[in-house]
C-alpha atoms as a PDB file:
ATOM      1  CA  MET A   1      96.025  93.152  96.074  1.00  0.00           C
ATOM      2  CA  ASN A   2      93.359  94.796  93.343  1.00  0.00           C
ATOM      3  CA  MET A   3      92.030  91.528  92.256  1.00  0.00           C
ATOM      4  CA  MET A   4      91.808  90.175  96.315  1.00  0.00           C
ATOM      5  CA  LEU A   5      89.736  93.300  97.059  1.00  0.00           C
ATOM      6  CA  ALA A   6      87.423  92.894  93.611  1.00  0.00           C
ATOM      7  CA  ASN A   7      86.441  89.622  94.369  1.00  0.00           C
ATOM      8  CA  ALA A   8      85.910  90.669  98.237  1.00  0.00           C
ATOM      9  CA  LYS A   9      83.459  93.035  96.636  1.00  0.00           C
ATOM     10  CA  LEU A  10      81.666  91.325  94.179  1.00  0.00           C
ATOM     11  CA  ARG A  11      81.401  87.710  95.874  1.00  0.00           C
ATOM     12  CA  PRO A  12      80.921  88.542  99.646  1.00  0.00           C
ATOM     13  CA  LYS A  13      79.620  85.468 100.131  1.00  0.00           C
ATOM     14  CA  THR A  14      81.800  83.116  99.195  1.00  0.00           C
ATOM     15  CA  PHE A  15      84.988  85.139  99.610  1.00  0.00           C
ATOM     16  CA  LYS A  16      87.304  84.150 102.652  1.00  0.00           C
ATOM     17  CA  LEU A  17      90.418  85.132 103.374  1.00  0.00           C
ATOM     18  CA  TYR A  18      93.103  83.524 106.129  1.00  0.00           C
ATOM     19  CA  LEU A  19      95.745  85.515 107.515  1.00  0.00           C
ATOM     20  CA  ALA A  20      98.368  83.103 109.348  1.00  0.00           C
ATOM     21  CA  ALA A  21     101.283  84.542 111.630  1.00  0.00           C
ATOM     22  CA  ARG A  22     103.752  82.649 114.196  1.00  0.00           C
ATOM     23  CA  THR A  23     105.267  84.286 116.860  1.00  0.00           C
ATOM     24  CA  GLY A  24     108.464  82.976 116.507  1.00  0.00           C
ATOM     25  CA  THR A  25     108.757  85.020 113.264  1.00  0.00           C
ATOM     26  CA  GLY A  26     108.757  88.392 114.712  1.00  0.00           C
ATOM     27  CA  MET A  27     104.933  88.759 114.364  1.00  0.00           C
ATOM     28  CA  ASP A  28     103.285  89.040 117.769  1.00  0.00           C
ATOM     29  CA  GLU A  29      99.421  89.715 118.517  1.00  0.00           C
ATOM     30  CA  ALA A  30      99.802  93.923 118.469  1.00  0.00           C
ATOM     31  CA  LEU A  31     101.423  93.280 115.175  1.00  0.00           C
ATOM     32  CA  PHE A  32      98.847  91.083 113.656  1.00  0.00           C
ATOM     33  CA  ARG A  33      96.113  92.917 114.685  1.00  0.00           C
ATOM     34  CA  LYS A  34      97.849  96.141 113.022  1.00  0.00           C
ATOM     35  CA  ALA A  35      97.909  94.700 109.956  1.00  0.00           C
ATOM     36  CA  VAL A  36      94.131  93.337 110.267  1.00  0.00           C
ATOM     37  CA  LYS A  37      93.363  97.030 110.900  1.00  0.00           C
ATOM     38  CA  GLU A  38      95.339  98.053 107.756  1.00  0.00           C
ATOM     39  CA  LEU A  39      93.809  95.167 105.521  1.00  0.00           C
ATOM     40  CA  ASN A  40      90.560  96.396 106.803  1.00  0.00           C
ATOM     41  CA  LYS A  41      90.784 100.388 105.927  1.00  0.00           C
ATOM     42  CA  GLN A  42      91.847  99.137 102.438  1.00  0.00           C
ATOM     43  CA  MET A  43      88.583  96.620 102.002  1.00  0.00           C
ATOM     44  CA  ASN A  44      86.679  99.427 103.324  1.00  0.00           C
ATOM     45  CA  ALA A  45      88.075 102.147 100.732  1.00  0.00           C
ATOM     46  CA  VAL A  46      86.653 100.466  98.053  1.00  0.00           C
ATOM     47  CA  ALA A  47      83.270  99.514  99.799  1.00  0.00           C
ATOM     48  CA  VAL A  48      84.093  95.915 100.816  1.00  0.00           C
ATOM     49  CA  ASP A  49      81.442  94.857 103.569  1.00  0.00           C
ATOM     50  CA  THR A  50      83.345  93.309 106.375  1.00  0.00           C
ATOM     51  CA  THR A  51      80.982  92.934 108.839  1.00  0.00           C
ATOM     52  CA  THR A  52      81.339  89.641 108.601  1.00  0.00           C
ATOM     53  CA  PHE A  53      84.712  88.979 108.949  1.00  0.00           C
ATOM     54  CA  ARG A  54      85.848  87.025 112.352  1.00  0.00           C
ATOM     55  CA  LEU A  55      89.254  87.526 113.793  1.00  0.00           C
ATOM     56  CA  LYS A  56      90.719  84.493 115.652  1.00  0.00           C
ATOM     57  CA  ILE A  57      93.655  84.017 117.469  1.00  0.00           C
ATOM     58  CA  SER A  58      94.506  80.344 117.989  1.00  0.00           C
ATOM     59  CA  ASN A  59      97.281  78.752 120.475  1.00  0.00           C
ATOM     60  CA  LYS A  60      97.370  81.592 122.630  1.00  0.00           C
END
């Protein structure tokens, strides 16, 4: 996790993070959004600029 946060902070233009989940495995949209929110909290704690991040939900 520390390496990921460091890469996000030091290489913001080239850093890419993909989160994926399947609803059939117990991950619903609300839980997924909660996970994204917690990840954003951790990134903000180390001053990662998350303004360019996008949330895209497919196959709704």
